[in-house]
């Protein structure tokens, strides 16, 4: 399979067989293809209920986040949401949400595109809260931290 990695904002180049494209599409295209992108993002947002896919689209519309598409042979295989987070001592590209199928086809182009994007944005790291399997797929190091969620909705005030 031949791989093409691109992260430029804009319409996709013509799809060739076996071609993988990772890109930040124009907002208009996201809106047109939301029937495909939204359900892919829902695979992740359902895990913590902090966002619905439409919330992530709204953030992309206002420039607070980027929604990346991983396309294989011209078809959307996965979608990821990122934003740049400035901390007092470093700037980090955070992967907020993502979902899709056929990871073996697009994981390396996705990593290359996000690495390049992070560097061009002045980020020193890429970070995410994710399921344990992403450590191996991403080639990342665990911090030893865990994400905890405690429901206090029923606590009397």
Protein backbone atom coordinates (compact mmCIF):
# COMPACT_ATOMS: atom_id res chain seq x y z
CA UNK A 1 0.00 0.00 0.00
CA UNK A 2 1.27 3.46 -0.81
CA UNK A 3 0.83 6.07 1.89
CA UNK A 4 0.35 9.80 1.52
CA UNK A 5 0.25 11.90 4.62
CA UNK A 6 -1.02 15.43 4.38
CA UNK A 7 -2.36 17.69 7.07
CA UNK A 8 -2.95 20.84 5.12
CA UNK A 9 -6.35 22.37 5.57
CA UNK A 10 -8.44 21.87 2.50
CA UNK A 11 -10.18 19.51 0.18
CA UNK A 12 -8.78 16.06 -0.34
CA UNK A 13 -6.64 15.30 -3.35
CA UNK A 14 -7.97 12.65 -5.70
CA UNK A 15 -8.02 9.26 -4.01
CA UNK A 16 -5.79 6.58 -5.49
CA UNK A 17 -6.12 2.90 -4.54
CA UNK A 18 -4.37 2.22 -1.24
CA UNK A 19 -3.89 5.92 -0.51
CA UNK A 20 -4.29 7.16 3.05
CA UNK A 21 -4.89 10.86 3.59
CA UNK A 22 -4.95 12.54 6.99
CA UNK A 23 -6.18 16.13 6.89
CA UNK A 24 -8.06 19.00 8.48
CA UNK A 25 -10.95 19.53 6.07
CA UNK A 26 -12.77 22.83 5.58
CA UNK A 27 -15.68 23.37 7.98
CA UNK A 28 -18.15 23.23 5.08
CA UNK A 29 -16.98 19.74 4.23
CA UNK A 30 -17.28 18.63 7.85
CA UNK A 31 -20.87 19.84 7.86
CA UNK A 32 -21.62 18.01 4.59
CA UNK A 33 -20.04 14.77 5.82
CA UNK A 34 -21.19 15.00 9.44
CA UNK A 35 -23.45 11.96 8.97
CA UNK A 36 -20.21 9.93 8.75
CA UNK A 37 -17.92 11.94 11.06
CA UNK A 38 -20.36 12.38 13.98
CA UNK A 39 -20.92 8.64 14.58
CA UNK A 40 -17.15 8.00 14.48
CA UNK A 41 -16.59 10.61 17.20
CA UNK A 42 -19.52 9.24 19.19
CA UNK A 43 -17.51 6.04 19.70
CA UNK A 44 -15.26 8.07 22.04
CA UNK A 45 -17.62 10.68 23.46
CA UNK A 46 -19.95 8.02 24.84
CA UNK A 47 -17.14 6.83 27.13
CA UNK A 48 -17.11 9.92 29.37
CA UNK A 49 -20.19 11.98 28.39
CA UNK A 50 -18.19 15.22 28.58
CA UNK A 51 -18.98 16.06 24.97
CA UNK A 52 -21.43 15.08 22.30
CA UNK A 53 -20.09 15.03 18.75
CA UNK A 54 -22.04 18.21 17.96
CA UNK A 55 -20.19 19.98 20.80
CA UNK A 56 -16.91 19.09 19.11
CA UNK A 57 -18.22 20.37 15.78
CA UNK A 58 -19.23 23.62 17.46
CA UNK A 59 -15.70 23.95 18.87
CA UNK A 60 -14.24 23.37 15.41
CA UNK A 61 -16.58 26.01 13.97
CA UNK A 62 -15.23 28.57 16.47
CA UNK A 63 -11.58 27.62 15.93
CA UNK A 64 -11.17 26.04 19.38
CA UNK A 65 -10.48 22.55 17.99
CA UNK A 66 -9.52 20.79 14.80
CA UNK A 67 -11.35 17.74 13.46
CA UNK A 68 -9.00 15.51 11.50
CA UNK A 69 -10.14 12.97 8.95
CA UNK A 70 -8.30 9.75 8.13
CA UNK A 71 -9.38 8.68 4.68
CA UNK A 72 -8.55 5.37 3.03
CA UNK A 73 -9.22 5.17 -0.70
CA UNK A 74 -11.35 8.32 -0.44
CA UNK A 75 -13.61 6.99 2.33
CA UNK A 76 -13.54 8.35 5.89
CA UNK A 77 -12.16 5.59 8.13
CA UNK A 78 -11.58 7.62 11.31
CA UNK A 79 -11.97 11.08 12.82
CA UNK A 80 -9.97 12.76 15.59
CA UNK A 81 -10.36 16.02 17.49
CA UNK A 82 -7.34 17.98 18.71
CA UNK A 83 -6.60 21.29 20.32
CA UNK A 84 -3.49 23.08 21.51
CA UNK A 85 -3.25 23.50 25.26
CA UNK A 86 -0.84 26.00 26.76
CA UNK A 87 0.49 25.11 30.17
CA UNK A 88 2.86 27.30 32.20
CA UNK A 89 5.86 25.17 31.18
CA UNK A 90 4.94 23.58 27.85
CA UNK A 91 2.58 23.65 24.92
CA UNK A 92 0.83 20.36 24.13
CA UNK A 93 -1.31 19.10 21.27
CA UNK A 94 -4.10 17.19 22.97
CA UNK A 95 -6.12 14.50 21.26
CA UNK A 96 -9.55 15.07 22.75
CA UNK A 97 -11.59 12.42 21.00
CA UNK A 98 -11.37 9.95 18.18
CA UNK A 99 -12.92 6.92 16.64
CA UNK A 100 -12.90 4.81 13.55
CA UNK A 101 -12.05 1.43 12.10
CA UNK A 102 -9.24 -0.18 10.18
CA UNK A 103 -6.53 1.40 12.37
CA UNK A 104 -3.69 -0.55 10.75
CA UNK A 105 -4.31 1.39 7.54
CA UNK A 106 -4.16 4.93 8.98
CA UNK A 107 -2.37 4.93 12.35
CA UNK A 108 1.11 5.64 10.97
CA UNK A 109 -0.06 8.45 8.65
CA UNK A 110 -2.10 9.91 11.54
CA UNK A 111 0.91 9.86 13.86
CA UNK A 112 3.09 11.50 11.20
CA UNK A 113 0.50 14.21 10.46
CA UNK A 114 -0.14 15.03 14.14
CA UNK A 115 3.59 15.00 14.94
CA UNK A 116 4.23 17.49 12.15
CA UNK A 117 1.23 19.61 13.15
CA UNK A 118 2.33 19.65 16.80
CA UNK A 119 5.83 20.78 15.83
CA UNK A 120 4.51 23.51 13.55
CA UNK A 121 2.25 24.73 16.38
CA UNK A 122 5.23 24.93 18.75
CA UNK A 123 4.14 21.96 20.85
CA UNK A 124 6.67 19.82 22.67
CA UNK A 125 4.35 16.85 23.24
CA UNK A 126 1.15 15.15 22.13
CA UNK A 127 -1.08 13.93 24.95
CA UNK A 128 -4.39 12.16 25.34
CA UNK A 129 -6.56 10.40 27.85
CA UNK A 130 -7.35 7.14 26.10
CA UNK A 131 -8.02 3.46 26.45
CA UNK A 132 -4.94 1.36 27.33
CA UNK A 133 -4.66 -0.14 23.82
CA UNK A 134 -3.77 3.29 22.46
CA UNK A 135 -0.41 3.18 24.26
CA UNK A 136 0.88 0.48 21.94
CA UNK A 137 -0.83 1.85 18.82
CA UNK A 138 0.47 5.37 19.46
CA UNK A 139 3.92 4.30 20.62
CA UNK A 140 3.46 6.41 23.75
CA UNK A 141 4.75 6.16 27.28
CA UNK A 142 2.28 5.83 30.15
CA UNK A 143 2.55 8.52 32.78
CA UNK A 144 1.36 6.22 35.53
CA UNK A 145 -1.66 8.45 36.09
CA UNK A 146 -5.17 7.20 35.66
CA UNK A 147 -8.27 9.12 34.78
CA UNK A 148 -10.85 8.96 37.52
CA UNK A 149 -14.50 9.87 37.30
CA UNK A 150 -16.74 10.04 40.35
CA UNK A 151 -20.41 10.85 39.84
CA UNK A 152 -21.59 13.42 42.36
CA UNK A 153 -24.87 14.27 40.63
CA UNK A 154 -26.85 12.52 43.37
CA UNK A 155 -24.94 14.08 46.28
CA UNK A 156 -27.18 16.30 48.42
CA UNK A 157 -26.10 19.92 48.61
